All heavy atoms as atom14 arrays in JSON, in Angstrom:
{
  "sequence": "KTEAVRSALQAAIASVKDRVPLHQRLEAAQALADKVGPVDPDYDAKAD",
  "atom14_mask": [
    [1, 1, 1, 1, 1, 1, 1, 1, 1, 0, 0, 0, 0, 0],
    [1, 1, 1, 1, 1, 1, 1, 0, 0, 0, 0, 0, 0, 0],
    [1, 1, 1, 1, 1, 1, 1, 1, 1, 0, 0, 0, 0, 0],
    [1, 1, 1, 1, 1, 0, 0, 0, 0, 0, 0, 0, 0, 0],
    [1, 1, 1, 1, 1, 1, 1, 0, 0, 0, 0, 0, 0, 0],
    [1, 1, 1, 1, 1, 1, 1, 1, 1, 1, 1, 0, 0, 0],
    [1, 1, 1, 1, 1, 1, 0, 0, 0, 0, 0, 0, 0, 0],
    [1, 1, 1, 1, 1, 0, 0, 0, 0, 0, 0, 0, 0, 0],
    [1, 1, 1, 1, 1, 1, 1, 1, 0, 0, 0, 0, 0, 0],
    [1, 1, 1, 1, 1, 1, 1, 1, 1, 0, 0, 0, 0, 0],
    [1, 1, 1, 1, 1, 0, 0, 0, 0, 0, 0, 0, 0, 0],
    [1, 1, 1, 1, 1, 0, 0, 0, 0, 0, 0, 0, 0, 0],
    [1, 1, 1, 1, 1, 1, 1, 1, 0, 0, 0, 0, 0, 0],
    [1, 1, 1, 1, 1, 0, 0, 0, 0, 0, 0, 0, 0, 0],
    [1, 1, 1, 1, 1, 1, 0, 0, 0, 0, 0, 0, 0, 0],
    [1, 1, 1, 1, 1, 1, 1, 0, 0, 0, 0, 0, 0, 0],
    [1, 1, 1, 1, 1, 1, 1, 1, 1, 0, 0, 0, 0, 0],
    [1, 1, 1, 1, 1, 1, 1, 1, 0, 0, 0, 0, 0, 0],
    [1, 1, 1, 1, 1, 1, 1, 1, 1, 1, 1, 0, 0, 0],
    [1, 1, 1, 1, 1, 1, 1, 0, 0, 0, 0, 0, 0, 0],
    [1, 1, 1, 1, 1, 1, 1, 0, 0, 0, 0, 0, 0, 0],
    [1, 1, 1, 1, 1, 1, 1, 1, 0, 0, 0, 0, 0, 0],
    [1, 1, 1, 1, 1, 1, 1, 1, 1, 1, 0, 0, 0, 0],
    [1, 1, 1, 1, 1, 1, 1, 1, 1, 0, 0, 0, 0, 0],
    [1, 1, 1, 1, 1, 1, 1, 1, 1, 1, 1, 0, 0, 0],
    [1, 1, 1, 1, 1, 1, 1, 1, 0, 0, 0, 0, 0, 0],
    [1, 1, 1, 1, 1, 1, 1, 1, 1, 0, 0, 0, 0, 0],
    [1, 1, 1, 1, 1, 0, 0, 0, 0, 0, 0, 0, 0, 0],
    [1, 1, 1, 1, 1, 0, 0, 0, 0, 0, 0, 0, 0, 0],
    [1, 1, 1, 1, 1, 1, 1, 1, 1, 0, 0, 0, 0, 0],
    [1, 1, 1, 1, 1, 0, 0, 0, 0, 0, 0, 0, 0, 0],
    [1, 1, 1, 1, 1, 1, 1, 1, 0, 0, 0, 0, 0, 0],
    [1, 1, 1, 1, 1, 0, 0, 0, 0, 0, 0, 0, 0, 0],
    [1, 1, 1, 1, 1, 1, 1, 1, 0, 0, 0, 0, 0, 0],
    [1, 1, 1, 1, 1, 1, 1, 1, 1, 0, 0, 0, 0, 0],
    [1, 1, 1, 1, 1, 1, 1, 0, 0, 0, 0, 0, 0, 0],
    [1, 1, 1, 1, 0, 0, 0, 0, 0, 0, 0, 0, 0, 0],
    [1, 1, 1, 1, 1, 1, 1, 0, 0, 0, 0, 0, 0, 0],
    [1, 1, 1, 1, 1, 1, 1, 0, 0, 0, 0, 0, 0, 0],
    [1, 1, 1, 1, 1, 1, 1, 1, 0, 0, 0, 0, 0, 0],
    [1, 1, 1, 1, 1, 1, 1, 0, 0, 0, 0, 0, 0, 0],
    [1, 1, 1, 1, 1, 1, 1, 1, 0, 0, 0, 0, 0, 0],
    [1, 1, 1, 1, 1, 1, 1, 1, 1, 1, 1, 1, 0, 0],
    [1, 1, 1, 1, 1, 1, 1, 1, 0, 0, 0, 0, 0, 0],
    [1, 1, 1, 1, 1, 0, 0, 0, 0, 0, 0, 0, 0, 0],
    [1, 1, 1, 1, 1, 1, 1, 1, 1, 0, 0, 0, 0, 0],
    [1, 1, 1, 1, 1, 0, 0, 0, 0, 0, 0, 0, 0, 0],
    [1, 1, 1, 1, 1, 1, 1, 1, 0, 0, 0, 0, 0, 0]
  ],
  "atom14_positions": [
    [[6.22, 22.54, -26.75], [5.01, 21.96, -26.13], [4.92, 20.46, -26.39], [4.48, 19.71, -25.52], [3.75, 22.67, -26.65], [3.62, 24.09, -26.14], [2.3, 24.72, -26.54], [2.33, 25.12, -27.99], [1.14, 25.87, -28.4], [0.0, 0.0, 0.0], [0.0, 0.0, 0.0], [0.0, 0.0, 0.0], [0.0, 0.0, 0.0], [0.0, 0.0, 0.0]],
    [[5.36, 20.03, -27.56], [5.3, 18.59, -27.87], [6.14, 17.8, -26.88], [5.69, 16.77, -26.35], [5.79, 18.33, -29.31], [4.94, 19.04, -30.22], [5.77, 16.85, -29.64], [0.0, 0.0, 0.0], [0.0, 0.0, 0.0], [0.0, 0.0, 0.0], [0.0, 0.0, 0.0], [0.0, 0.0, 0.0], [0.0, 0.0, 0.0], [0.0, 0.0, 0.0]],
    [[7.34, 18.29, -26.6], [8.21, 17.6, -25.63], [7.58, 17.62, -24.23], [7.64, 16.62, -23.51], [9.57, 18.3, -25.59], [10.59, 17.6, -24.73], [11.93, 18.3, -24.76], [12.47, 18.56, -25.85], [12.45, 18.59, -23.66], [0.0, 0.0, 0.0], [0.0, 0.0, 0.0], [0.0, 0.0, 0.0], [0.0, 0.0, 0.0], [0.0, 0.0, 0.0]],
    [[6.97, 18.73, -23.87], [6.33, 18.84, -22.56], [5.16, 17.87, -22.43], [5.02, 17.2, -21.41], [5.85, 20.27, -22.33], [0.0, 0.0, 0.0], [0.0, 0.0, 0.0], [0.0, 0.0, 0.0], [0.0, 0.0, 0.0], [0.0, 0.0, 0.0], [0.0, 0.0, 0.0], [0.0, 0.0, 0.0], [0.0, 0.0, 0.0], [0.0, 0.0, 0.0]],
    [[4.36, 17.8, -23.48], [3.21, 16.88, -23.45], [3.69, 15.44, -23.44], [3.16, 14.61, -22.7], [2.26, 17.16, -24.65], [1.2, 16.08, -24.78], [1.61, 18.53, -24.5], [0.0, 0.0, 0.0], [0.0, 0.0, 0.0], [0.0, 0.0, 0.0], [0.0, 0.0, 0.0], [0.0, 0.0, 0.0], [0.0, 0.0, 0.0], [0.0, 0.0, 0.0]],
    [[4.7, 15.12, -24.24], [5.24, 13.76, -24.27], [5.73, 13.35, -22.88], [5.4, 12.27, -22.39], [6.4, 13.65, -25.27], [7.03, 12.26, -25.32], [8.26, 12.19, -26.23], [7.95, 12.59, -27.58], [8.42, 13.69, -28.18], [9.23, 14.51, -27.52], [8.09, 13.97, -29.41], [0.0, 0.0, 0.0], [0.0, 0.0, 0.0], [0.0, 0.0, 0.0]],
    [[6.48, 14.24, -22.26], [7.02, 13.96, -20.93], [5.91, 13.78, -19.91], [5.96, 12.86, -19.07], [7.95, 15.09, -20.52], [8.44, 14.89, -19.22], [0.0, 0.0, 0.0], [0.0, 0.0, 0.0], [0.0, 0.0, 0.0], [0.0, 0.0, 0.0], [0.0, 0.0, 0.0], [0.0, 0.0, 0.0], [0.0, 0.0, 0.0], [0.0, 0.0, 0.0]],
    [[4.91, 14.66, -19.96], [3.79, 14.57, -19.01], [3.01, 13.27, -19.19], [2.64, 12.61, -18.21], [2.87, 15.77, -19.18], [0.0, 0.0, 0.0], [0.0, 0.0, 0.0], [0.0, 0.0, 0.0], [0.0, 0.0, 0.0], [0.0, 0.0, 0.0], [0.0, 0.0, 0.0], [0.0, 0.0, 0.0], [0.0, 0.0, 0.0], [0.0, 0.0, 0.0]],
    [[2.77, 12.9, -20.43], [2.02, 11.65, -20.69], [2.84, 10.43, -20.25], [2.3, 9.49, -19.66], [1.65, 11.55, -22.16], [0.57, 12.53, -22.63], [0.42, 12.47, -24.14], [-0.75, 12.24, -21.95], [0.0, 0.0, 0.0], [0.0, 0.0, 0.0], [0.0, 0.0, 0.0], [0.0, 0.0, 0.0], [0.0, 0.0, 0.0], [0.0, 0.0, 0.0]],
    [[4.14, 10.44, -20.52], [4.98, 9.32, -20.09], [5.0, 9.21, -18.57], [4.92, 8.1, -18.03], [6.41, 9.5, -20.63], [6.51, 9.26, -22.12], [7.88, 9.62, -22.69], [8.6, 10.44, -22.13], [8.22, 9.02, -23.82], [0.0, 0.0, 0.0], [0.0, 0.0, 0.0], [0.0, 0.0, 0.0], [0.0, 0.0, 0.0], [0.0, 0.0, 0.0]],
    [[5.07, 10.35, -17.88], [5.06, 10.33, -16.41], [3.73, 9.82, -15.89], [3.69, 9.04, -14.93], [5.35, 11.73, -15.87], [0.0, 0.0, 0.0], [0.0, 0.0, 0.0], [0.0, 0.0, 0.0], [0.0, 0.0, 0.0], [0.0, 0.0, 0.0], [0.0, 0.0, 0.0], [0.0, 0.0, 0.0], [0.0, 0.0, 0.0], [0.0, 0.0, 0.0]],
    [[2.63, 10.25, -16.5], [1.3, 9.8, -16.06], [1.14, 8.3, -16.26], [0.62, 7.59, -15.39], [0.22, 10.57, -16.81], [0.0, 0.0, 0.0], [0.0, 0.0, 0.0], [0.0, 0.0, 0.0], [0.0, 0.0, 0.0], [0.0, 0.0, 0.0], [0.0, 0.0, 0.0], [0.0, 0.0, 0.0], [0.0, 0.0, 0.0], [0.0, 0.0, 0.0]],
    [[1.59, 7.8, -17.4], [1.48, 6.37, -17.7], [2.34, 5.56, -16.73], [1.91, 4.54, -16.18], [1.86, 6.09, -19.16], [0.77, 6.65, -20.09], [2.08, 4.6, -19.41], [1.16, 6.71, -21.55], [0.0, 0.0, 0.0], [0.0, 0.0, 0.0], [0.0, 0.0, 0.0], [0.0, 0.0, 0.0], [0.0, 0.0, 0.0], [0.0, 0.0, 0.0]],
    [[3.57, 6.02, -16.48], [4.47, 5.32, -15.55], [3.87, 5.3, -14.15], [3.95, 4.29, -13.44], [5.84, 5.99, -15.53], [0.0, 0.0, 0.0], [0.0, 0.0, 0.0], [0.0, 0.0, 0.0], [0.0, 0.0, 0.0], [0.0, 0.0, 0.0], [0.0, 0.0, 0.0], [0.0, 0.0, 0.0], [0.0, 0.0, 0.0], [0.0, 0.0, 0.0]],
    [[3.26, 6.41, -13.74], [2.65, 6.48, -12.41], [1.54, 5.45, -12.25], [1.45, 4.78, -11.23], [2.11, 7.89, -12.18], [1.4, 7.96, -10.96], [0.0, 0.0, 0.0], [0.0, 0.0, 0.0], [0.0, 0.0, 0.0], [0.0, 0.0, 0.0], [0.0, 0.0, 0.0], [0.0, 0.0, 0.0], [0.0, 0.0, 0.0], [0.0, 0.0, 0.0]],
    [[0.71, 5.33, -13.26], [-0.39, 4.37, -13.19], [0.14, 2.94, -13.21], [-0.34, 2.09, -12.45], [-1.39, 4.61, -14.35], [-2.41, 3.48, -14.43], [-2.09, 5.94, -14.18], [0.0, 0.0, 0.0], [0.0, 0.0, 0.0], [0.0, 0.0, 0.0], [0.0, 0.0, 0.0], [0.0, 0.0, 0.0], [0.0, 0.0, 0.0], [0.0, 0.0, 0.0]],
    [[1.15, 2.68, -14.03], [1.71, 1.33, -14.11], [2.4, 0.94, -12.81], [2.41, -0.23, -12.44], [2.69, 1.23, -15.27], [2.02, 1.16, -16.62], [3.07, 0.99, -17.72], [2.42, 0.81, -19.07], [3.43, 0.64, -20.15], [0.0, 0.0, 0.0], [0.0, 0.0, 0.0], [0.0, 0.0, 0.0], [0.0, 0.0, 0.0], [0.0, 0.0, 0.0]],
    [[3.0, 1.91, -12.12], [3.73, 1.62, -10.89], [2.82, 1.49, -9.67], [3.25, 1.02, -8.63], [4.77, 2.71, -10.61], [5.91, 2.69, -11.6], [6.08, 1.67, -12.29], [6.63, 3.7, -11.69], [0.0, 0.0, 0.0], [0.0, 0.0, 0.0], [0.0, 0.0, 0.0], [0.0, 0.0, 0.0], [0.0, 0.0, 0.0], [0.0, 0.0, 0.0]],
    [[1.59, 1.93, -9.81], [0.66, 1.91, -8.69], [0.32, 0.46, -8.32], [0.0, -0.36, -9.17], [-0.62, 2.65, -9.09], [-1.46, 3.06, -7.92], [-2.65, 3.89, -8.35], [-2.22, 5.11, -9.03], [-2.96, 5.73, -9.93], [-4.13, 5.27, -10.28], [-2.51, 6.83, -10.5], [0.0, 0.0, 0.0], [0.0, 0.0, 0.0], [0.0, 0.0, 0.0]],
    [[0.42, 0.16, -7.04], [0.1, -1.19, -6.55], [-1.42, -1.25, -6.33], [-1.98, -0.42, -5.61], [0.84, -1.49, -5.24], [0.45, -2.85, -4.7], [2.35, -1.38, -5.45], [0.0, 0.0, 0.0], [0.0, 0.0, 0.0], [0.0, 0.0, 0.0], [0.0, 0.0, 0.0], [0.0, 0.0, 0.0], [0.0, 0.0, 0.0], [0.0, 0.0, 0.0]],
    [[-2.08, -2.22, -6.96], [-3.53, -2.33, -6.8], [-3.94, -2.52, -5.34], [-3.2, -3.1, -4.54], [-3.9, -3.57, -7.62], [-2.77, -3.76, -8.57], [-1.55, -3.24, -7.87], [0.0, 0.0, 0.0], [0.0, 0.0, 0.0], [0.0, 0.0, 0.0], [0.0, 0.0, 0.0], [0.0, 0.0, 0.0], [0.0, 0.0, 0.0], [0.0, 0.0, 0.0]],
    [[-5.11, -2.02, -5.0], [-5.61, -2.08, -3.63], [-5.63, -3.51, -3.1], [-5.21, -3.75, -1.96], [-7.01, -1.47, -3.55], [-7.69, -1.54, -2.18], [-6.88, -0.79, -1.13], [-9.1, -0.98, -2.26], [0.0, 0.0, 0.0], [0.0, 0.0, 0.0], [0.0, 0.0, 0.0], [0.0, 0.0, 0.0], [0.0, 0.0, 0.0], [0.0, 0.0, 0.0]],
    [[-6.06, -4.46, -3.89], [-6.16, -5.84, -3.38], [-4.78, -6.38, -3.02], [-4.64, -7.14, -2.05], [-6.88, -6.76, -4.39], [-6.13, -7.02, -5.66], [-5.23, -8.04, -5.78], [-6.15, -6.4, -6.85], [-4.72, -8.04, -6.99], [-5.26, -7.04, -7.66], [0.0, 0.0, 0.0], [0.0, 0.0, 0.0], [0.0, 0.0, 0.0], [0.0, 0.0, 0.0]],
    [[-3.73, -5.97, -3.73], [-2.38, -6.43, -3.37], [-1.89, -5.77, -2.09], [-1.24, -6.41, -1.25], [-1.4, -6.14, -4.5], [-1.58, -7.04, -5.7], [-0.58, -6.73, -6.8], [0.15, -5.76, -6.75], [-0.56, -7.58, -7.82], [0.0, 0.0, 0.0], [0.0, 0.0, 0.0], [0.0, 0.0, 0.0], [0.0, 0.0, 0.0], [0.0, 0.0, 0.0]],
    [[-2.22, -4.48, -1.91], [-1.85, -3.81, -0.67], [-2.58, -4.42, 0.52], [-2.0, -4.6, 1.6], [-2.13, -2.31, -0.76], [-1.18, -1.6, -1.72], [-1.43, -0.12, -1.76], [-2.65, 0.1, -2.52], [-3.41, 1.17, -2.44], [-3.12, 2.14, -1.6], [-4.49, 1.3, -3.18], [0.0, 0.0, 0.0], [0.0, 0.0, 0.0], [0.0, 0.0, 0.0]],
    [[-3.86, -4.76, 0.33], [-4.63, -5.38, 1.4], [-4.09, -6.78, 1.73], [-4.05, -7.17, 2.9], [-6.11, -5.45, 1.03], [-6.84, -4.12, 1.0], [-8.26, -4.3, 0.48], [-6.85, -3.47, 2.37], [0.0, 0.0, 0.0], [0.0, 0.0, 0.0], [0.0, 0.0, 0.0], [0.0, 0.0, 0.0], [0.0, 0.0, 0.0], [0.0, 0.0, 0.0]],
    [[-3.69, -7.51, 0.7], [-3.11, -8.83, 0.94], [-1.84, -8.72, 1.78], [-1.61, -9.52, 2.69], [-2.8, -9.53, -0.39], [-4.03, -10.03, -1.12], [-3.72, -10.57, -2.51], [-2.54, -10.52, -2.94], [-4.65, -11.04, -3.17], [0.0, 0.0, 0.0], [0.0, 0.0, 0.0], [0.0, 0.0, 0.0], [0.0, 0.0, 0.0], [0.0, 0.0, 0.0]],
    [[-1.01, -7.72, 1.48], [0.23, -7.52, 2.25], [-0.09, -7.16, 3.7], [0.55, -7.66, 4.63], [1.07, -6.42, 1.6], [0.0, 0.0, 0.0], [0.0, 0.0, 0.0], [0.0, 0.0, 0.0], [0.0, 0.0, 0.0], [0.0, 0.0, 0.0], [0.0, 0.0, 0.0], [0.0, 0.0, 0.0], [0.0, 0.0, 0.0], [0.0, 0.0, 0.0]],
    [[-1.09, -6.31, 3.9], [-1.49, -5.93, 5.26], [-2.04, -7.13, 6.01], [-1.75, -7.33, 7.19], [-2.51, -4.8, 5.21], [0.0, 0.0, 0.0], [0.0, 0.0, 0.0], [0.0, 0.0, 0.0], [0.0, 0.0, 0.0], [0.0, 0.0, 0.0], [0.0, 0.0, 0.0], [0.0, 0.0, 0.0], [0.0, 0.0, 0.0], [0.0, 0.0, 0.0]],
    [[-2.83, -7.94, 5.32], [-3.4, -9.13, 5.96], [-2.31, -10.13, 6.32], [-2.35, -10.73, 7.39], [-4.43, -9.8, 5.03], [-5.16, -10.97, 5.66], [-5.98, -10.57, 6.86], [-6.76, -9.63, 6.79], [-5.81, -11.27, 7.97], [0.0, 0.0, 0.0], [0.0, 0.0, 0.0], [0.0, 0.0, 0.0], [0.0, 0.0, 0.0], [0.0, 0.0, 0.0]],
    [[-1.31, -10.27, 5.45], [-0.2, -11.19, 5.74], [0.57, -10.71, 6.98], [0.96, -11.53, 7.82], [0.73, -11.28, 4.54], [0.0, 0.0, 0.0], [0.0, 0.0, 0.0], [0.0, 0.0, 0.0], [0.0, 0.0, 0.0], [0.0, 0.0, 0.0], [0.0, 0.0, 0.0], [0.0, 0.0, 0.0], [0.0, 0.0, 0.0], [0.0, 0.0, 0.0]],
    [[0.76, -9.41, 7.09], [1.44, -8.87, 8.27], [0.61, -9.11, 9.53], [1.14, -9.5, 10.57], [1.69, -7.37, 8.08], [2.44, -6.66, 9.19], [3.81, -7.27, 9.42], [2.57, -5.19, 8.87], [0.0, 0.0, 0.0], [0.0, 0.0, 0.0], [0.0, 0.0, 0.0], [0.0, 0.0, 0.0], [0.0, 0.0, 0.0], [0.0, 0.0, 0.0]],
    [[-0.69, -8.9, 9.44], [-1.57, -9.13, 10.59], [-1.55, -10.61, 10.99], [-1.53, -10.94, 12.18], [-3.0, -8.68, 10.27], [0.0, 0.0, 0.0], [0.0, 0.0, 0.0], [0.0, 0.0, 0.0], [0.0, 0.0, 0.0], [0.0, 0.0, 0.0], [0.0, 0.0, 0.0], [0.0, 0.0, 0.0], [0.0, 0.0, 0.0], [0.0, 0.0, 0.0]],
    [[-1.54, -11.49, 10.0], [-1.47, -12.92, 10.29], [-0.16, -13.28, 10.98], [-0.12, -14.13, 11.87], [-1.62, -13.74, 9.0], [-3.03, -13.69, 8.43], [-3.96, -13.28, 9.16], [-3.19, -14.02, 7.23], [0.0, 0.0, 0.0], [0.0, 0.0, 0.0], [0.0, 0.0, 0.0], [0.0, 0.0, 0.0], [0.0, 0.0, 0.0], [0.0, 0.0, 0.0]],
    [[0.93, -12.6, 10.56], [2.24, -12.86, 11.16], [2.27, -12.41, 12.62], [2.87, -13.07, 13.46], [3.32, -12.12, 10.36], [4.72, -12.41, 10.79], [5.72, -11.68, 9.88], [7.13, -11.93, 10.33], [8.1, -11.23, 9.49], [0.0, 0.0, 0.0], [0.0, 0.0, 0.0], [0.0, 0.0, 0.0], [0.0, 0.0, 0.0], [0.0, 0.0, 0.0]],
    [[1.61, -11.29, 12.92], [1.55, -10.78, 14.29], [0.75, -11.73, 15.17], [1.09, -11.96, 16.32], [0.94, -9.36, 14.31], [0.64, -8.9, 15.72], [1.87, -8.38, 13.62], [0.0, 0.0, 0.0], [0.0, 0.0, 0.0], [0.0, 0.0, 0.0], [0.0, 0.0, 0.0], [0.0, 0.0, 0.0], [0.0, 0.0, 0.0], [0.0, 0.0, 0.0]],
    [[-0.31, -12.27, 14.62], [-1.12, -13.21, 15.36], [-2.37, -12.58, 15.93], [-2.6, -11.38, 15.79], [0.0, 0.0, 0.0], [0.0, 0.0, 0.0], [0.0, 0.0, 0.0], [0.0, 0.0, 0.0], [0.0, 0.0, 0.0], [0.0, 0.0, 0.0], [0.0, 0.0, 0.0], [0.0, 0.0, 0.0], [0.0, 0.0, 0.0], [0.0, 0.0, 0.0]],
    [[-3.17, -13.37, 16.61], [-4.43, -12.87, 17.14], [-4.22, -11.89, 18.31], [-3.17, -11.89, 18.95], [-5.16, -14.13, 17.61], [-4.09, -15.12, 17.84], [-2.98, -14.79, 16.88], [0.0, 0.0, 0.0], [0.0, 0.0, 0.0], [0.0, 0.0, 0.0], [0.0, 0.0, 0.0], [0.0, 0.0, 0.0], [0.0, 0.0, 0.0], [0.0, 0.0, 0.0]],
    [[-5.22, -11.09, 18.54], [-5.18, -10.13, 19.64], [-5.31, -10.86, 20.96], [-6.12, -11.78, 21.1], [-6.35, -9.11, 19.49], [-6.41, -8.17, 20.68], [-6.2, -8.34, 18.2], [0.0, 0.0, 0.0], [0.0, 0.0, 0.0], [0.0, 0.0, 0.0], [0.0, 0.0, 0.0], [0.0, 0.0, 0.0], [0.0, 0.0, 0.0], [0.0, 0.0, 0.0]],
    [[-4.49, -10.46, 21.94], [-4.55, -11.05, 23.27], [-5.66, -10.36, 24.05], [-5.55, -9.17, 24.37], [-3.2, -10.86, 23.98], [-3.19, -11.44, 25.38], [-4.21, -12.02, 25.81], [-2.14, -11.31, 26.04], [0.0, 0.0, 0.0], [0.0, 0.0, 0.0], [0.0, 0.0, 0.0], [0.0, 0.0, 0.0], [0.0, 0.0, 0.0], [0.0, 0.0, 0.0]],
    [[-6.73, -11.06, 24.37], [-7.85, -10.41, 25.07], [-7.49, -9.96, 26.48], [-8.15, -9.1, 27.06], [-8.93, -11.5, 25.1], [-8.21, -12.79, 24.92], [-6.97, -12.47, 24.12], [0.0, 0.0, 0.0], [0.0, 0.0, 0.0], [0.0, 0.0, 0.0], [0.0, 0.0, 0.0], [0.0, 0.0, 0.0], [0.0, 0.0, 0.0], [0.0, 0.0, 0.0]],
    [[-6.41, -10.49, 27.05], [-6.0, -10.12, 28.4], [-4.98, -8.97, 28.43], [-4.56, -8.55, 29.51], [-5.41, -11.34, 29.13], [-6.43, -12.45, 29.28], [-7.62, -12.13, 29.48], [-6.04, -13.62, 29.18], [0.0, 0.0, 0.0], [0.0, 0.0, 0.0], [0.0, 0.0, 0.0], [0.0, 0.0, 0.0], [0.0, 0.0, 0.0], [0.0, 0.0, 0.0]],
    [[-4.57, -8.47, 27.26], [-3.58, -7.4, 27.2], [-4.16, -6.1, 27.73], [-5.25, -5.69, 27.36], [-3.09, -7.22, 25.76], [-2.15, -6.04, 25.61], [-0.88, -6.07, 26.16], [-2.54, -4.9, 24.92], [-0.02, -4.99, 26.03], [-1.7, -3.81, 24.79], [-0.43, -3.87, 25.34], [0.41, -2.8, 25.21], [0.0, 0.0, 0.0], [0.0, 0.0, 0.0]],
    [[-3.42, -5.44, 28.6], [-3.86, -4.19, 29.21], [-2.98, -3.05, 28.69], [-1.9, -2.8, 29.21], [-3.78, -4.29, 30.74], [-4.34, -3.07, 31.44], [-4.81, -2.14, 30.75], [-4.31, -3.06, 32.68], [0.0, 0.0, 0.0], [0.0, 0.0, 0.0], [0.0, 0.0, 0.0], [0.0, 0.0, 0.0], [0.0, 0.0, 0.0], [0.0, 0.0, 0.0]],
    [[-3.45, -2.38, 27.66], [-2.68, -1.3, 27.05], [-2.49, -0.14, 28.02], [-1.45, 0.51, 28.03], [-3.37, -0.82, 25.77], [0.0, 0.0, 0.0], [0.0, 0.0, 0.0], [0.0, 0.0, 0.0], [0.0, 0.0, 0.0], [0.0, 0.0, 0.0], [0.0, 0.0, 0.0], [0.0, 0.0, 0.0], [0.0, 0.0, 0.0], [0.0, 0.0, 0.0]],
    [[-3.49, 0.12, 28.86], [-3.38, 1.22, 29.81], [-2.25, 0.97, 30.8], [-1.5, 1.88, 31.14], [-4.69, 1.43, 30.56], [-4.59, 2.52, 31.62], [-5.86, 3.26, 31.8], [-5.84, 4.33, 32.84], [-4.62, 4.97, 33.22], [0.0, 0.0, 0.0], [0.0, 0.0, 0.0], [0.0, 0.0, 0.0], [0.0, 0.0, 0.0], [0.0, 0.0, 0.0]],
    [[-2.1, -0.25, 31.25], [-1.02, -0.57, 32.19], [0.34, -0.33, 31.54], [1.24, 0.22, 32.18], [-1.14, -2.02, 32.66], [0.0, 0.0, 0.0], [0.0, 0.0, 0.0], [0.0, 0.0, 0.0], [0.0, 0.0, 0.0], [0.0, 0.0, 0.0], [0.0, 0.0, 0.0], [0.0, 0.0, 0.0], [0.0, 0.0, 0.0], [0.0, 0.0, 0.0]],
    [[0.49, -0.69, 30.29], [1.74, -0.44, 29.57], [1.98, 1.06, 29.42], [3.08, 1.55, 29.61], [1.73, -1.09, 28.19], [2.1, -2.56, 28.26], [2.58, -3.02, 29.31], [1.95, -3.24, 27.22], [0.0, 0.0, 0.0], [0.0, 0.0, 0.0], [0.0, 0.0, 0.0], [0.0, 0.0, 0.0], [0.0, 0.0, 0.0], [0.0, 0.0, 0.0]]
  ]
}
């Protein structure tokens, strides 16, 4: 059980440390949106 608990705790800690914070994910999404550029108001999605 000690080995099982050690392994579980190490996995839980690694998972939390590897998690990318929400603000960083949002920054990446915003950078991608900025790269795409503004929405074309004349674009006709239905025609496409």
